[in-house]
């Protein structure tokens, strides 16, 4: 049953990643690219976790992968809301 749930979460993560990738292709805004990468990483992580038959999700590797994925989301939000730097040096 846990593999079924992991597969559903992985599929949903990939669908969301494709959704944000489509917006990135239309707008070329890095915000959408970072979100797409984050959900893609989360989907791959779920598949690898299900295939390795590792029932314990409290290992540091699981937390590091999630930290990377959530860090990309946080970085996208911060980058979008920080004031833009001027290119003319002023």
C-alpha atoms as a PDB file:
ATOM      1  CA  UNK A   1       0.000   0.000   0.000  1.00  0.00           C
ATOM      2  CA  UNK A   2       2.833   2.368   0.767  1.00  0.00           C
ATOM      3  CA  UNK A   3       4.278   1.802  -2.720  1.00  0.00           C
ATOM      4  CA  UNK A   4       0.924   2.717  -4.220  1.00  0.00           C
ATOM      5  CA  UNK A   5       0.848   5.986  -2.280  1.00  0.00           C
ATOM      6  CA  UNK A   6       4.476   6.735  -3.202  1.00  0.00           C
ATOM      7  CA  UNK A   7       3.658   6.139  -6.860  1.00  0.00           C
ATOM      8  CA  UNK A   8       0.654   8.445  -6.679  1.00  0.00           C
ATOM      9  CA  UNK A   9       2.721  11.176  -5.018  1.00  0.00           C
ATOM     10  CA  UNK A  10       5.483  10.741  -7.618  1.00  0.00           C
ATOM     11  CA  UNK A  11       2.976  10.960 -10.479  1.00  0.00           C
ATOM     12  CA  UNK A  12       1.385  14.064  -8.976  1.00  0.00           C
ATOM     13  CA  UNK A  13       4.825  15.637  -8.510  1.00  0.00           C
ATOM     14  CA  UNK A  14       5.722  15.025 -12.156  1.00  0.00           C
ATOM     15  CA  UNK A  15       2.398  16.427 -13.364  1.00  0.00           C
ATOM     16  CA  UNK A  16       2.917  19.555 -11.284  1.00  0.00           C
ATOM     17  CA  UNK A  17       6.506  19.812 -12.585  1.00  0.00           C
ATOM     18  CA  UNK A  18       5.242  19.664 -16.170  1.00  0.00           C
ATOM     19  CA  UNK A  19       2.603  22.248 -15.347  1.00  0.00           C
ATOM     20  CA  UNK A  20       5.239  24.717 -14.095  1.00  0.00           C
ATOM     21  CA  UNK A  21       7.552  23.832 -16.983  1.00  0.00           C
ATOM     22  CA  UNK A  22       4.849  24.866 -19.427  1.00  0.00           C
ATOM     23  CA  UNK A  23       4.540  28.249 -17.704  1.00  0.00           C
ATOM     24  CA  UNK A  24       8.331  28.644 -17.783  1.00  0.00           C
ATOM     25  CA  UNK A  25       8.404  27.960 -21.523  1.00  0.00           C
ATOM     26  CA  UNK A  26       5.770  30.640 -22.110  1.00  0.00           C
ATOM     27  CA  UNK A  27       7.175  33.327 -19.826  1.00  0.00           C
ATOM     28  CA  UNK A  28      10.888  32.431 -19.385  1.00  0.00           C
ATOM     29  CA  UNK A  29      10.523  33.429 -15.732  1.00  0.00           C
ATOM     30  CA  UNK A  30      12.962  31.502 -13.533  1.00  0.00           C
ATOM     31  CA  UNK A  31      10.345  31.360 -10.789  1.00  0.00           C
ATOM     32  CA  UNK A  32       8.463  28.669 -12.702  1.00  0.00           C
ATOM     33  CA  UNK A  33      11.682  26.836 -13.607  1.00  0.00           C
ATOM     34  CA  UNK A  34      12.693  26.563  -9.947  1.00  0.00           C
ATOM     35  CA  UNK A  35       9.265  25.268  -8.988  1.00  0.00           C
ATOM     36  CA  UNK A  36       9.380  22.727 -11.823  1.00  0.00           C
ATOM     37  CA  UNK A  37      12.820  21.512 -10.740  1.00  0.00           C
ATOM     38  CA  UNK A  38      11.674  21.245  -7.143  1.00  0.00           C
ATOM     39  CA  UNK A  39       8.677  19.072  -7.946  1.00  0.00           C
ATOM     40  CA  UNK A  40      10.765  16.985 -10.378  1.00  0.00           C
ATOM     41  CA  UNK A  41      13.322  16.319  -7.645  1.00  0.00           C
ATOM     42  CA  UNK A  42      10.543  15.346  -5.247  1.00  0.00           C
ATOM     43  CA  UNK A  43       9.055  12.942  -7.829  1.00  0.00           C
ATOM     44  CA  UNK A  44      12.389  11.269  -8.509  1.00  0.00           C
ATOM     45  CA  UNK A  45      13.003  11.008  -4.772  1.00  0.00           C
ATOM     46  CA  UNK A  46       9.675   9.224  -4.250  1.00  0.00           C
ATOM     47  CA  UNK A  47      10.394   6.733  -7.039  1.00  0.00           C
ATOM     48  CA  UNK A  48      13.905   5.986  -5.787  1.00  0.00           C
ATOM     49  CA  UNK A  49      12.612   5.589  -2.231  1.00  0.00           C
ATOM     50  CA  UNK A  50       9.951   3.128  -3.370  1.00  0.00           C
ATOM     51  CA  UNK A  51      12.371   1.095  -5.502  1.00  0.00           C
ATOM     52  CA  UNK A  52      15.069   0.771  -2.839  1.00  0.00           C
ATOM     53  CA  UNK A  53      12.596  -0.728  -0.358  1.00  0.00           C
ATOM     54  CA  UNK A  54      13.883   1.639   2.298  1.00  0.00           C
ATOM     55  CA  UNK A  55      11.054   1.876   4.820  1.00  0.00           C
ATOM     56  CA  UNK A  56      12.866   4.283   7.147  1.00  0.00           C
ATOM     57  CA  UNK A  57      12.435   7.821   5.890  1.00  0.00           C
ATOM     58  CA  UNK A  58      14.302   9.325   8.803  1.00  0.00           C
ATOM     59  CA  UNK A  59      17.764   8.999   7.292  1.00  0.00           C
ATOM     60  CA  UNK A  60      19.732  12.166   6.564  1.00  0.00           C
ATOM     61  CA  UNK A  61      19.686  11.527   2.815  1.00  0.00           C
ATOM     62  CA  UNK A  62      15.896  11.823   2.685  1.00  0.00           C
ATOM     63  CA  UNK A  63      16.025  15.079   4.579  1.00  0.00           C
ATOM     64  CA  UNK A  64      18.781  16.485   2.357  1.00  0.00           C
ATOM     65  CA  UNK A  65      16.819  15.768  -0.820  1.00  0.00           C
ATOM     66  CA  UNK A  66      13.723  17.407   0.627  1.00  0.00           C
ATOM     67  CA  UNK A  67      15.815  20.329   1.859  1.00  0.00           C
ATOM     68  CA  UNK A  68      17.109  20.815  -1.679  1.00  0.00           C
ATOM     69  CA  UNK A  69      13.607  20.690  -3.159  1.00  0.00           C
ATOM     70  CA  UNK A  70      12.097  23.052  -0.592  1.00  0.00           C
ATOM     71  CA  UNK A  71      15.157  25.285  -0.778  1.00  0.00           C
ATOM     72  CA  UNK A  72      14.542  25.759  -4.498  1.00  0.00           C
ATOM     73  CA  UNK A  73      10.976  26.835  -3.762  1.00  0.00           C
ATOM     74  CA  UNK A  74      12.160  29.234  -1.075  1.00  0.00           C
ATOM     75  CA  UNK A  75      14.844  30.646  -3.369  1.00  0.00           C
ATOM     76  CA  UNK A  76      12.296  31.160  -6.166  1.00  0.00           C
ATOM     77  CA  UNK A  77      10.001  33.096  -3.828  1.00  0.00           C
ATOM     78  CA  UNK A  78      12.832  35.197  -2.422  1.00  0.00           C
ATOM     79  CA  UNK A  79      14.282  35.945  -5.849  1.00  0.00           C
ATOM     80  CA  UNK A  80      10.876  36.983  -7.148  1.00  0.00           C
ATOM     81  CA  UNK A  81      10.219  39.338  -4.235  1.00  0.00           C
ATOM     82  CA  UNK A  82      13.663  40.908  -3.796  1.00  0.00           C
ATOM     83  CA  UNK A  83      14.153  44.212  -5.599  1.00  0.00           C
ATOM     84  CA  UNK A  84      15.779  43.794  -8.985  1.00  0.00           C
ATOM     85  CA  UNK A  85      19.344  44.996  -9.384  1.00  0.00           C
ATOM     86  CA  UNK A  86      19.869  47.674 -11.952  1.00  0.00           C
ATOM     87  CA  UNK A  87      22.016  46.715 -14.892  1.00  0.00           C
ATOM     88  CA  UNK A  88      23.398  50.186 -15.529  1.00  0.00           C
ATOM     89  CA  UNK A  89      25.417  50.216 -12.308  1.00  0.00           C
ATOM     90  CA  UNK A  90      23.365  52.860 -10.470  1.00  0.00           C
END
